[in-house]
PDB file of N, CA and C in Angstrom:
ATOM      1  N   MET A   1    -105.868 167.579  82.779  1.00  0.00           N
ATOM      2  CA  MET A   1    -105.292 167.226  81.501  1.00  0.00           C
ATOM      3  C   MET A   1    -103.951 166.543  81.732  1.00  0.00           C
ATOM      4  N   ILE A   2    -103.707 165.459  81.039  1.00  0.00           N
ATOM      5  CA  ILE A   2    -102.462 164.707  81.155  1.00  0.00           C
ATOM      6  C   ILE A   2    -101.418 165.293  80.212  1.00  0.00           C
ATOM      7  N   ASP A   3    -100.214 165.477  80.734  1.00  0.00           N
ATOM      8  CA  ASP A   3     -99.105 165.972  79.925  1.00  0.00           C
ATOM      9  C   ASP A   3     -98.564 164.818  79.090  1.00  0.00           C
ATOM     10  N   THR A   4     -98.712 164.899  77.791  1.00  0.00           N
ATOM     11  CA  THR A   4     -98.250 163.825  76.907  1.00  0.00           C
ATOM     12  C   THR A   4     -96.940 164.175  76.203  1.00  0.00           C
ATOM     13  N   THR A   5     -96.292 165.237  76.612  1.00  0.00           N
ATOM     14  CA  THR A   5     -95.045 165.621  75.957  1.00  0.00           C
ATOM     15  C   THR A   5     -93.926 164.617  76.214  1.00  0.00           C
ATOM     16  N   LYS A   6     -94.060 163.833  77.240  1.00  0.00           N
ATOM     17  CA  LYS A   6     -93.044 162.813  77.563  1.00  0.00           C
ATOM     18  C   LYS A   6     -93.637 161.407  77.445  1.00  0.00           C
ATOM     19  N   ALA A   7     -94.569 161.215  76.533  1.00  0.00           N
ATOM     20  CA  ALA A   7     -95.208 159.914  76.356  1.00  0.00           C
ATOM     21  C   ALA A   7     -94.221 158.843  75.910  1.00  0.00           C
ATOM     22  N   HIS A   8     -93.081 159.260  75.361  1.00  0.00           N
ATOM     23  CA  HIS A   8     -92.079 158.275  74.951  1.00  0.00           C
ATOM     24  C   HIS A   8     -91.599 157.437  76.130  1.00  0.00           C
ATOM     25  N   TYR A   9     -91.670 157.983  77.345  1.00  0.00           N
ATOM     26  CA  TYR A   9     -91.265 157.217  78.516  1.00  0.00           C
ATOM     27  C   TYR A   9     -92.103 155.950  78.659  1.00  0.00           C
ATOM     28  N   LEU A  10     -93.393 156.080  78.479  1.00  0.00           N
ATOM     29  CA  LEU A  10     -94.283 154.931  78.601  1.00  0.00           C
ATOM     30  C   LEU A  10     -93.922 153.866  77.571  1.00  0.00           C
ATOM     31  N   ASP A  11     -93.667 154.290  76.350  1.00  0.00           N
ATOM     32  CA  ASP A  11     -93.298 153.359  75.283  1.00  0.00           C
ATOM     33  C   ASP A  11     -91.969 152.673  75.596  1.00  0.00           C
ATOM     34  N   LEU A  12     -90.971 153.435  76.004  1.00  0.00           N
ATOM     35  CA  LEU A  12     -89.668 152.860  76.324  1.00  0.00           C
ATOM     36  C   LEU A  12     -89.764 151.897  77.511  1.00  0.00           C
ATOM     37  N   GLU A  13     -90.501 152.298  78.514  1.00  0.00           N
ATOM     38  CA  GLU A  13     -90.642 151.461  79.700  1.00  0.00           C
ATOM     39  C   GLU A  13     -91.346 150.141  79.350  1.00  0.00           C
ATOM     40  N   GLN A  14     -92.392 150.227  78.554  1.00  0.00           N
ATOM     41  CA  GLN A  14     -93.133 149.031  78.173  1.00  0.00           C
ATOM     42  C   GLN A  14     -92.277 148.097  77.323  1.00  0.00           C
ATOM     43  N   LYS A  15     -91.541 148.651  76.370  1.00  0.00           N
ATOM     44  CA  LYS A  15     -90.693 147.821  75.508  1.00  0.00           C
ATOM     45  C   LYS A  15     -89.573 147.151  76.299  1.00  0.00           C
ATOM     46  N   LEU A  16     -88.981 147.871  77.230  1.00  0.00           N
ATOM     47  CA  LEU A  16     -87.916 147.277  78.037  1.00  0.00           C
ATOM     48  C   LEU A  16     -88.480 146.189  78.947  1.00  0.00           C
ATOM     49  N   HIS A  17     -89.632 146.424  79.523  1.00  0.00           N
ATOM     50  CA  HIS A  17     -90.268 145.417  80.382  1.00  0.00           C
ATOM     51  C   HIS A  17     -90.561 144.147  79.579  1.00  0.00           C
ATOM     52  N   THR A  18     -91.102 144.309  78.395  1.00  0.00           N
ATOM     53  CA  THR A  18     -91.413 143.164  77.537  1.00  0.00           C
ATOM     54  C   THR A  18     -90.137 142.418  77.156  1.00  0.00           C
ATOM     55  N   LEU A  19     -89.114 143.156  76.778  1.00  0.00           N
ATOM     56  CA  LEU A  19     -87.838 142.557  76.403  1.00  0.00           C
ATOM     57  C   LEU A  19     -87.253 141.765  77.569  1.00  0.00           C
ATOM     58  N   ARG A  20     -87.257 142.351  78.747  1.00  0.00           N
ATOM     59  CA  ARG A  20     -86.710 141.671  79.919  1.00  0.00           C
ATOM     60  C   ARG A  20     -87.524 140.432  80.286  1.00  0.00           C
ATOM     61  N   THR A  21     -88.838 140.530  80.181  1.00  0.00           N
ATOM     62  CA  THR A  21     -89.705 139.393  80.503  1.00  0.00           C
ATOM     63  C   THR A  21     -89.441 138.225  79.569  1.00  0.00           C
ATOM     64  N   HIS A  22     -89.374 138.494  78.279  1.00  0.00           N
ATOM     65  CA  HIS A  22     -89.124 137.423  77.309  1.00  0.00           C
ATOM     66  C   HIS A  22     -87.708 136.875  77.447  1.00  0.00           C
ATOM     67  N   PHE A  23     -86.755 137.743  77.714  1.00  0.00           N
ATOM     68  CA  PHE A  23     -85.376 137.302  77.884  1.00  0.00           C
ATOM     69  C   PHE A  23     -85.247 136.386  79.104  1.00  0.00           C
ATOM     70  N   THR A  24     -85.963 136.682  80.163  1.00  0.00           N
ATOM     71  CA  THR A  24     -85.930 135.867  81.378  1.00  0.00           C
ATOM     72  C   THR A  24     -86.374 134.435  81.094  1.00  0.00           C
ATOM     73  N   MET A  25     -87.261 134.262  80.135  1.00  0.00           N
ATOM     74  CA  MET A  25     -87.726 132.922  79.777  1.00  0.00           C
ATOM     75  C   MET A  25     -86.634 132.094  79.103  1.00  0.00           C
ATOM     76  N   CYS A  26     -85.541 132.746  78.712  1.00  0.00           N
ATOM     77  CA  CYS A  26     -84.434 132.057  78.032  1.00  0.00           C
ATOM     78  C   CYS A  26     -83.255 131.825  78.965  1.00  0.00           C
ATOM     79  N   LYS A  27     -83.519 131.801  80.247  1.00  0.00           N
ATOM     80  CA  LYS A  27     -82.435 131.641  81.229  1.00  0.00           C
ATOM     81  C   LYS A  27     -81.558 130.450  80.853  1.00  0.00           C
ATOM     82  N   GLY A  28     -80.260 130.665  80.889  1.00  0.00           N
ATOM     83  CA  GLY A  28     -79.309 129.623  80.536  1.00  0.00           C
ATOM     84  C   GLY A  28     -78.978 129.577  79.048  1.00  0.00           C
ATOM     85  N   ALA A  29     -79.419 130.575  78.306  1.00  0.00           N
ATOM     86  CA  ALA A  29     -79.141 130.614  76.867  1.00  0.00           C
ATOM     87  C   ALA A  29     -77.639 130.690  76.625  1.00  0.00           C
ATOM     88  N   ASP A  30     -77.207 130.099  75.502  1.00  0.00           N
ATOM     89  CA  ASP A  30     -75.791 130.181  75.162  1.00  0.00           C
ATOM     90  C   ASP A  30     -75.497 131.556  74.552  1.00  0.00           C
ATOM     91  N   ASN A  31     -74.225 131.829  74.319  1.00  0.00           N
ATOM     92  CA  ASN A  31     -73.821 133.161  73.858  1.00  0.00           C
ATOM     93  C   ASN A  31     -74.409 133.526  72.496  1.00  0.00           C
ATOM     94  N   LYS A  32     -74.597 132.541  71.621  1.00  0.00           N
ATOM     95  CA  LYS A  32     -75.185 132.828  70.313  1.00  0.00           C
ATOM     96  C   LYS A  32     -76.622 133.328  70.468  1.00  0.00           C
ATOM     97  N   GLU A  33     -77.371 132.696  71.350  1.00  0.00           N
ATOM     98  CA  GLU A  33     -78.746 133.129  71.613  1.00  0.00           C
ATOM     99  C   GLU A  33     -78.765 134.474  72.332  1.00  0.00           C
ATOM    100  N   VAL A  34     -77.849 134.658  73.271  1.00  0.00           N
ATOM    101  CA  VAL A  34     -77.765 135.922  74.006  1.00  0.00           C
ATOM    102  C   VAL A  34     -77.440 137.056  73.041  1.00  0.00           C
ATOM    103  N   LEU A  35     -76.625 136.781  72.037  1.00  0.00           N
ATOM    104  CA  LEU A  35     -76.290 137.809  71.051  1.00  0.00           C
ATOM    105  C   LEU A  35     -77.548 138.315  70.344  1.00  0.00           C
ATOM    106  N   ASP A  36     -78.461 137.421  70.023  1.00  0.00           N
ATOM    107  CA  ASP A  36     -79.722 137.850  69.404  1.00  0.00           C
ATOM    108  C   ASP A  36     -80.475 138.804  70.327  1.00  0.00           C
ATOM    109  N   TRP A  37     -80.538 138.463  71.611  1.00  0.00           N
ATOM    110  CA  TRP A  37     -81.216 139.326  72.578  1.00  0.00           C
ATOM    111  C   TRP A  37     -80.457 140.638  72.772  1.00  0.00           C
ATOM    112  N   ALA A  38     -79.136 140.568  72.726  1.00  0.00           N
ATOM    113  CA  ALA A  38     -78.322 141.779  72.854  1.00  0.00           C
ATOM    114  C   ALA A  38     -78.629 142.744  71.710  1.00  0.00           C
ATOM    115  N   LYS A  39     -78.877 142.196  70.529  1.00  0.00           N
ATOM    116  CA  LYS A  39     -79.221 143.054  69.384  1.00  0.00           C
ATOM    117  C   LYS A  39     -80.572 143.727  69.590  1.00  0.00           C
ATOM    118  N   PHE A  40     -81.524 143.022  70.177  1.00  0.00           N
ATOM    119  CA  PHE A  40     -82.814 143.643  70.502  1.00  0.00           C
ATOM    120  C   PHE A  40     -82.614 144.771  71.514  1.00  0.00           C
ATOM    121  N   PHE A  41     -81.802 144.491  72.544  1.00  0.00           N
ATOM    122  CA  PHE A  41     -81.539 145.511  73.565  1.00  0.00           C
ATOM    123  C   PHE A  41     -80.755 146.678  72.979  1.00  0.00           C
ATOM    124  N   LEU A  42     -79.873 146.408  72.033  1.00  0.00           N
ATOM    125  CA  LEU A  42     -79.141 147.475  71.348  1.00  0.00           C
ATOM    126  C   LEU A  42     -80.112 148.393  70.611  1.00  0.00           C
ATOM    127  N   GLY A  43     -81.099 147.822  69.943  1.00  0.00           N
ATOM    128  CA  GLY A  43     -82.115 148.637  69.268  1.00  0.00           C
ATOM    129  C   GLY A  43     -82.883 149.496  70.255  1.00  0.00           C
ATOM    130  N   TRP A  44     -83.246 148.910  71.389  1.00  0.00           N
ATOM    131  CA  TRP A  44     -83.947 149.682  72.425  1.00  0.00           C
ATOM    132  C   TRP A  44     -83.041 150.794  72.938  1.00  0.00           C
ATOM    133  N   SER A  45     -81.781 150.479  73.157  1.00  0.00           N
ATOM    134  CA  SER A  45     -80.822 151.457  73.683  1.00  0.00           C
ATOM    135  C   SER A  45     -80.620 152.629  72.729  1.00  0.00           C
ATOM    136  N   LYS A  46     -80.615 152.356  71.441  1.00  0.00           N
ATOM    137  CA  LYS A  46     -80.486 153.438  70.458  1.00  0.00           C
ATOM    138  C   LYS A  46     -81.692 154.361  70.522  1.00  0.00           C
ATOM    139  N   ALA A  47     -82.883 153.788  70.641  1.00  0.00           N
ATOM    140  CA  ALA A  47     -84.096 154.609  70.758  1.00  0.00           C
ATOM    141  C   ALA A  47     -84.065 155.432  72.043  1.00  0.00           C
ATOM    142  N   ALA A  48     -83.650 154.807  73.131  1.00  0.00           N
ATOM    143  CA  ALA A  48     -83.576 155.511  74.413  1.00  0.00           C
ATOM    144  C   ALA A  48     -82.559 156.646  74.360  1.00  0.00           C
ATOM    145  N   SER A  49     -81.454 156.429  73.647  1.00  0.00           N
ATOM    146  CA  SER A  49     -80.411 157.461  73.589  1.00  0.00           C
ATOM    147  C   SER A  49     -80.878 158.707  72.845  1.00  0.00           C
ATOM    148  N   GLN A  50     -81.881 158.565  72.016  1.00  0.00           N
ATOM    149  CA  GLN A  50     -82.416 159.710  71.283  1.00  0.00           C
ATOM    150  C   GLN A  50     -83.485 160.455  72.076  1.00  0.00           C
ATOM    151  N   GLN A  51     -83.990 159.832  73.145  1.00  0.00           N
ATOM    152  CA  GLN A  51     -85.122 160.422  73.851  1.00  0.00           C
ATOM    153  C   GLN A  51     -84.886 160.661  75.333  1.00  0.00           C
ATOM    154  N   CYS A  52     -83.812 160.110  75.875  1.00  0.00           N
ATOM    155  CA  CYS A  52     -83.600 160.194  77.318  1.00  0.00           C
ATOM    156  C   CYS A  52     -82.294 160.894  77.655  1.00  0.00           C
ATOM    157  N   GLY A  53     -82.011 160.921  78.940  1.00  0.00           N
ATOM    158  CA  GLY A  53     -80.882 161.670  79.462  1.00  0.00           C
ATOM    159  C   GLY A  53     -79.518 161.050  79.228  1.00  0.00           C
ATOM    160  N   SER A  54     -78.544 161.600  79.925  1.00  0.00           N
ATOM    161  CA  SER A  54     -77.137 161.268  79.699  1.00  0.00           C
ATOM    162  C   SER A  54     -76.776 159.838  80.063  1.00  0.00           C
ATOM    163  N   TRP A  55     -77.534 159.187  80.911  1.00  0.00           N
ATOM    164  CA  TRP A  55     -77.228 157.811  81.288  1.00  0.00           C
ATOM    165  C   TRP A  55     -77.235 156.884  80.075  1.00  0.00           C
ATOM    166  N   THR A  56     -77.959 157.278  79.035  1.00  0.00           N
ATOM    167  CA  THR A  56     -78.091 156.421  77.856  1.00  0.00           C
ATOM    168  C   THR A  56     -76.798 156.334  77.045  1.00  0.00           C
ATOM    169  N   VAL A  57     -75.928 157.322  77.184  1.00  0.00           N
ATOM    170  CA  VAL A  57     -74.660 157.307  76.443  1.00  0.00           C
ATOM    171  C   VAL A  57     -73.815 156.119  76.893  1.00  0.00           C
ATOM    172  N   GLU A  58     -73.664 155.974  78.195  1.00  0.00           N
ATOM    173  CA  GLU A  58     -72.886 154.858  78.737  1.00  0.00           C
ATOM    174  C   GLU A  58     -73.591 153.526  78.459  1.00  0.00           C
ATOM    175  N   ASN A  59     -74.898 153.511  78.618  1.00  0.00           N
ATOM    176  CA  ASN A  59     -75.659 152.295  78.349  1.00  0.00           C
ATOM    177  C   ASN A  59     -75.455 151.832  76.908  1.00  0.00           C
ATOM    178  N   LEU A  60     -75.543 152.751  75.962  1.00  0.00           N
ATOM    179  CA  LEU A  60     -75.380 152.411  74.555  1.00  0.00           C
ATOM    180  C   LEU A  60     -73.966 151.918  74.264  1.00  0.00           C
ATOM    181  N   ARG A  61     -72.985 152.593  74.810  1.00  0.00           N
ATOM    182  CA  ARG A  61     -71.588 152.184  74.617  1.00  0.00           C
ATOM    183  C   ARG A  61     -71.362 150.779  75.183  1.00  0.00           C
ATOM    184  N   ASN A  62     -71.914 150.511  76.365  1.00  0.00           N
ATOM    185  CA  ASN A  62     -71.730 149.205  76.995  1.00  0.00           C
ATOM    186  C   ASN A  62     -72.369 148.078  76.186  1.00  0.00           C
ATOM    187  N   ILE A  63     -73.573 148.283  75.693  1.00  0.00           N
ATOM    188  CA  ILE A  63     -74.238 147.218  74.947  1.00  0.00           C
ATOM    189  C   ILE A  63     -73.578 147.019  73.579  1.00  0.00           C
ATOM    190  N   GLU A  64     -73.093 148.086  72.976  1.00  0.00           N
ATOM    191  CA  GLU A  64     -72.360 147.940  71.705  1.00  0.00           C
ATOM    192  C   GLU A  64     -71.102 147.100  71.911  1.00  0.00           C
ATOM    193  N   ASN A  65     -70.346 147.409  72.961  1.00  0.00           N
ATOM    194  CA  ASN A  65     -69.128 146.650  73.263  1.00  0.00           C
ATOM    195  C   ASN A  65     -69.440 145.203  73.617  1.00  0.00           C
ATOM    196  N   PHE A  66     -70.490 145.023  74.380  1.00  0.00           N
ATOM    197  CA  PHE A  66     -70.890 143.675  74.778  1.00  0.00           C
ATOM    198  C   PHE A  66     -71.263 142.840  73.556  1.00  0.00           C
ATOM    199  N   ALA A  67     -72.056 143.401  72.653  1.00  0.00           N
ATOM    200  CA  ALA A  67     -72.464 142.675  71.445  1.00  0.00           C
ATOM    201  C   ALA A  67     -71.248 142.336  70.582  1.00  0.00           C
ATOM    202  N   LYS A  68     -70.317 143.272  70.445  1.00  0.00           N
ATOM    203  CA  LYS A  68     -69.099 143.000  69.664  1.00  0.00           C
ATOM    204  C   LYS A  68     -68.288 141.869  70.290  1.00  0.00           C
ATOM    205  N   ASN A  69     -68.178 141.891  71.607  1.00  0.00           N
ATOM    206  CA  ASN A  69     -67.431 140.840  72.301  1.00  0.00           C
ATOM    207  C   ASN A  69     -68.107 139.481  72.152  1.00  0.00           C
ATOM    208  N   LEU A  70     -69.432 139.456  72.209  1.00  0.00           N
ATOM    209  CA  LEU A  70     -70.142 138.186  72.046  1.00  0.00           C
ATOM    210  C   LEU A  70     -69.962 137.636  70.634  1.00  0.00           C
ATOM    211  N   GLU A  71     -69.924 138.525  69.643  1.00  0.00           N
ATOM    212  CA  GLU A  71     -69.735 138.080  68.264  1.00  0.00           C
ATOM    213  C   GLU A  71     -68.375 137.417  68.079  1.00  0.00           C
ATOM    214  N   LYS A  72     -67.358 137.902  68.769  1.00  0.00           N
ATOM    215  CA  LYS A  72     -65.993 137.386  68.639  1.00  0.00           C
ATOM    216  C   LYS A  72     -65.745 136.177  69.530  1.00  0.00           C
ATOM    217  N   SER A  73     -66.476 136.091  70.623  1.00  0.00           N
ATOM    218  CA  SER A  73     -66.188 135.098  71.654  1.00  0.00           C
ATOM    219  C   SER A  73     -66.509 133.680  71.197  1.00  0.00           C
ATOM    220  N   LYS A  74     -65.564 132.800  71.457  1.00  0.00           N
ATOM    221  CA  LYS A  74     -65.766 131.375  71.199  1.00  0.00           C
ATOM    222  C   LYS A  74     -65.986 130.630  72.515  1.00  0.00           C
ATOM    223  N   VAL A  75     -65.681 131.285  73.601  1.00  0.00           N
ATOM    224  CA  VAL A  75     -65.776 130.681  74.924  1.00  0.00           C
ATOM    225  C   VAL A  75     -66.928 131.331  75.674  1.00  0.00           C
ATOM    226  N   GLY A  76     -67.632 130.566  76.469  1.00  0.00           N
ATOM    227  CA  GLY A  76     -68.720 131.116  77.269  1.00  0.00           C
ATOM    228  C   GLY A  76     -68.239 132.188  78.221  1.00  0.00           C
ATOM    229  N   VAL A  77     -68.897 133.313  78.229  1.00  0.00           N
ATOM    230  CA  VAL A  77     -68.513 134.416  79.117  1.00  0.00           C
ATOM    231  C   VAL A  77     -69.660 134.787  80.041  1.00  0.00           C
ATOM    232  N   MET A  78     -70.545 133.823  80.291  1.00  0.00           N
ATOM    233  CA  MET A  78     -71.712 134.096  81.118  1.00  0.00           C
ATOM    234  C   MET A  78     -72.504 135.258  80.550  1.00  0.00           C
ATOM    235  N   GLY A  79     -72.686 135.241  79.262  1.00  0.00           N
ATOM    236  CA  GLY A  79     -73.363 136.317  78.553  1.00  0.00           C
ATOM    237  C   GLY A  79     -74.766 136.585  79.051  1.00  0.00           C
ATOM    238  N   TYR A  80     -75.491 135.537  79.419  1.00  0.00           N
ATOM    239  CA  TYR A  80     -76.862 135.727  79.886  1.00  0.00           C
ATOM    240  C   TYR A  80     -76.900 136.643  81.103  1.00  0.00           C
ATOM    241  N   GLU A  81     -76.064 136.346  82.078  1.00  0.00           N
ATOM    242  CA  GLU A  81     -76.052 137.118  83.318  1.00  0.00           C
ATOM    243  C   GLU A  81     -75.625 138.569  83.077  1.00  0.00           C
ATOM    244  N   VAL A  82     -74.662 138.751  82.185  1.00  0.00           N
ATOM    245  CA  VAL A  82     -74.189 140.106  81.890  1.00  0.00           C
ATOM    246  C   VAL A  82     -75.300 140.926  81.248  1.00  0.00           C
ATOM    247  N   LEU A  83     -75.974 140.350  80.253  1.00  0.00           N
ATOM    248  CA  LEU A  83     -77.049 141.078  79.579  1.00  0.00           C
ATOM    249  C   LEU A  83     -78.220 141.322  80.517  1.00  0.00           C
ATOM    250  N   GLU A  84     -78.532 140.357  81.341  1.00  0.00           N
ATOM    251  CA  GLU A  84     -79.607 140.521  82.327  1.00  0.00           C
ATOM    252  C   GLU A  84     -79.307 141.703  83.254  1.00  0.00           C
ATOM    253  N   SER A  85     -78.051 141.796  83.686  1.00  0.00           N
ATOM    254  CA  SER A  85     -77.626 142.898  84.549  1.00  0.00           C
ATOM    255  C   SER A  85     -77.710 144.236  83.819  1.00  0.00           C
ATOM    256  N   MET A  86     -77.300 144.267  82.567  1.00  0.00           N
ATOM    257  CA  MET A  86     -77.344 145.504  81.790  1.00  0.00           C
ATOM    258  C   MET A  86     -78.786 145.992  81.613  1.00  0.00           C
ATOM    259  N   MET A  87     -79.686 145.061  81.342  1.00  0.00           N
ATOM    260  CA  MET A  87     -81.098 145.436  81.194  1.00  0.00           C
ATOM    261  C   MET A  87     -81.662 145.954  82.514  1.00  0.00           C
ATOM    262  N   GLY A  88     -81.260 145.335  83.610  1.00  0.00           N
ATOM    263  CA  GLY A  88     -81.707 145.786  84.928  1.00  0.00           C
ATOM    264  C   GLY A  88     -81.229 147.195  85.236  1.00  0.00           C
ATOM    265  N   GLU A  89     -79.973 147.464  84.920  1.00  0.00           N
ATOM    266  CA  GLU A  89     -79.420 148.808  85.139  1.00  0.00           C
ATOM    267  C   GLU A  89     -80.160 149.848  84.287  1.00  0.00           C
ATOM    268  N   ALA A  90     -80.470 149.488  83.045  1.00  0.00           N
ATOM    269  CA  ALA A  90     -81.200 150.410  82.171  1.00  0.00           C
ATOM    270  C   ALA A  90     -82.585 150.683  82.726  1.00  0.00           C
ATOM    271  N   ALA A  91     -83.236 149.660  83.264  1.00  0.00           N
ATOM    272  CA  ALA A  91     -84.577 149.840  83.838  1.00  0.00           C
ATOM    273  C   ALA A  91     -84.534 150.788  85.031  1.00  0.00           C
ATOM    274  N   VAL A  92     -83.533 150.610  85.895  1.00  0.00           N
ATOM    275  CA  VAL A  92     -83.401 151.494  87.060  1.00  0.00           C
ATOM    276  C   VAL A  92     -83.136 152.931  86.601  1.00  0.00           C
ATOM    277  N   SER A  93     -82.242 153.104  85.652  1.00  0.00           N
ATOM    278  CA  SER A  93     -81.921 154.451  85.164  1.00  0.00           C
ATOM    279  C   SER A  93     -83.131 155.113  84.514  1.00  0.00           C
ATOM    280  N   LEU A  94     -83.882 154.357  83.728  1.00  0.00           N
ATOM    281  CA  LEU A  94     -85.080 154.899  83.100  1.00  0.00           C
ATOM    282  C   LEU A  94     -86.099 155.287  84.161  1.00  0.00           C
ATOM    283  N   ASN A  95     -86.292 154.439  85.160  1.00  0.00           N
ATOM    284  CA  ASN A  95     -87.233 154.763  86.231  1.00  0.00           C
ATOM    285  C   ASN A  95     -86.807 156.006  86.999  1.00  0.00           C
ATOM    286  N   CYS A  96     -85.513 156.157  87.229  1.00  0.00           N
ATOM    287  CA  CYS A  96     -85.022 157.361  87.914  1.00  0.00           C
ATOM    288  C   CYS A  96     -85.301 158.606  87.082  1.00  0.00           C
ATOM    289  N   GLU A  97     -85.097 158.502  85.775  1.00  0.00           N
ATOM    290  CA  GLU A  97     -85.367 159.650  84.913  1.00  0.00           C
ATOM    291  C   GLU A  97     -86.855 159.992  84.905  1.00  0.00           C
ATOM    292  N   ILE A  98     -87.695 158.982  84.861  1.00  0.00           N
ATOM    293  CA  ILE A  98     -89.139 159.213  84.887  1.00  0.00           C
ATOM    294  C   ILE A  98     -89.541 159.863  86.200  1.00  0.00           C
ATOM    295  N   LEU A  99     -89.019 159.351  87.310  1.00  0.00           N
ATOM    296  CA  LEU A  99     -89.324 159.947  88.617  1.00  0.00           C
ATOM    297  C   LEU A  99     -88.862 161.397  88.681  1.00  0.00           C
ATOM    298  N   ALA A 100     -87.683 161.660  88.147  1.00  0.00           N
ATOM    299  CA  ALA A 100     -87.169 163.030  88.139  1.00  0.00           C
ATOM    300  C   ALA A 100     -88.093 163.935  87.338  1.00  0.00           C
ATOM    301  N   TYR A 101     -88.570 163.440  86.216  1.00  0.00           N
ATOM    302  CA  TYR A 101     -89.495 164.236  85.400  1.00  0.00           C
ATOM    303  C   TYR A 101     -90.793 164.481  86.160  1.00  0.00           C
ATOM    304  N   LEU A 102     -91.299 163.459  86.810  1.00  0.00           N
ATOM    305  CA  LEU A 102     -92.558 163.603  87.543  1.00  0.00           C
ATOM    306  C   LEU A 102     -92.421 164.529  88.744  1.00  0.00           C
ATOM    307  N   HIS A 103     -91.246 164.529  89.354  1.00  0.00           N
ATOM    308  CA  HIS A 103     -91.001 165.390  90.515  1.00  0.00           C
ATOM    309  C   HIS A 103     -90.404 166.729  90.116  1.00  0.00           C
ATOM    310  N   LYS A 104     -90.314 166.960  88.821  1.00  0.00           N
ATOM    311  CA  LYS A 104     -89.853 168.235  88.260  1.00  0.00           C
ATOM    312  C   LYS A 104     -88.581 168.749  88.922  1.00  0.00           C
ATOM    313  N   GLY A 105     -87.512 168.028  88.678  1.00  0.00           N
ATOM    314  CA  GLY A 105     -86.209 168.507  89.118  1.00  0.00           C
ATOM    315  C   GLY A 105     -85.649 167.814  90.332  1.00  0.00           C
ATOM    316  N   LYS A 106     -86.475 167.096  91.073  1.00  0.00           N
ATOM    317  CA  LYS A 106     -85.958 166.354  92.219  1.00  0.00           C
ATOM    318  C   LYS A 106     -85.443 165.019  91.708  1.00  0.00           C
ATOM    319  N   VAL A 107     -84.166 164.978  91.406  1.00  0.00           N
ATOM    320  CA  VAL A 107     -83.583 163.790  90.800  1.00  0.00           C
ATOM    321  C   VAL A 107     -83.277 162.761  91.889  1.00  0.00           C
ATOM    322  N   PRO A 108     -83.977 161.623  91.853  1.00  0.00           N
ATOM    323  CA  PRO A 108     -83.675 160.585  92.843  1.00  0.00           C
ATOM    324  C   PRO A 108     -82.354 159.905  92.515  1.00  0.00           C
ATOM    325  N   LYS A 109     -81.634 159.502  93.533  1.00  0.00           N
ATOM    326  CA  LYS A 109     -80.363 158.812  93.322  1.00  0.00           C
ATOM    327  C   LYS A 109     -80.651 157.353  92.998  1.00  0.00           C
ATOM    328  N   PRO A 110     -79.914 156.791  92.036  1.00  0.00           N
ATOM    329  CA  PRO A 110     -80.138 155.396  91.666  1.00  0.00           C
ATOM    330  C   PRO A 110     -80.046 154.429  92.843  1.00  0.00           C
ATOM    331  N   GLU A 111     -79.195 154.723  93.836  1.00  0.00           N
ATOM    332  CA  GLU A 111     -79.065 153.839  94.994  1.00  0.00           C
ATOM    333  C   GLU A 111     -80.379 153.750  95.753  1.00  0.00           C
ATOM    334  N   LYS A 112     -81.066 154.880  95.912  1.00  0.00           N
ATOM    335  CA  LYS A 112     -82.351 154.878  96.609  1.00  0.00           C
ATOM    336  C   LYS A 112     -83.393 154.128  95.791  1.00  0.00           C
ATOM    337  N   GLU A 113     -83.346 154.287  94.480  1.00  0.00           N
ATOM    338  CA  GLU A 113     -84.276 153.577  93.605  1.00  0.00           C
ATOM    339  C   GLU A 113     -84.032 152.071  93.712  1.00  0.00           C
ATOM    340  N   ARG A 114     -82.783 151.649  93.699  1.00  0.00           N
ATOM    341  CA  ARG A 114     -82.475 150.217  93.802  1.00  0.00           C
ATOM    342  C   ARG A 114     -82.957 149.666  95.135  1.00  0.00           C
ATOM    343  N   ALA A 115     -82.762 150.404  96.211  1.00  0.00           N
ATOM    344  CA  ALA A 115     -83.205 149.956  97.517  1.00  0.00           C
ATOM    345  C   ALA A 115     -84.721 149.818  97.561  1.00  0.00           C
ATOM    346  N   PHE A 116     -85.424 150.763  96.949  1.00  0.00           N
ATOM    347  CA  PHE A 116     -86.881 150.715  96.897  1.00  0.00           C
ATOM    348  C   PHE A 116     -87.344 149.507  96.089  1.00  0.00           C
ATOM    349  N   LEU A 117     -86.708 149.261  94.940  1.00  0.00           N
ATOM    350  CA  LEU A 117     -87.084 148.146  94.077  1.00  0.00           C
ATOM    351  C   LEU A 117     -86.798 146.807  94.734  1.00  0.00           C
ATOM    352  N   ALA A 118     -85.749 146.753  95.565  1.00  0.00           N
ATOM    353  CA  ALA A 118     -85.376 145.498  96.224  1.00  0.00           C
ATOM    354  C   ALA A 118     -86.311 145.144  97.373  1.00  0.00           C
ATOM    355  N   SER A 119     -86.981 146.146  97.922  1.00  0.00           N
ATOM    356  CA  SER A 119     -87.861 145.876  99.076  1.00  0.00           C
ATOM    357  C   SER A 119     -89.196 145.325  98.676  1.00  0.00           C
TER     358      SER A 119
END
């Protein structure tokens, strides 16, 4: 029997993957376009903060600040690269949490996860 008590992980992982895939197709987007994507990621981050661990607090705070800064900014701040990095960090953190859940208490360190993903 499959444990479905943590099925939200599958939904969050799929939505983040889809968001990142579509965002990648907009490489080189200006800050106004990046702001639209930041709002999508903000929505995902709010959902994750209600269902996942403590890493989501910092993630949510960072994306809120980033979106506010993009709204005010008149000068290019390399918004695409910043948001791409934030989404990548969220994916690694979510994967670490999922692995920890699957290993029941053996929390993998994000550095090891990043090294595994890079190989």
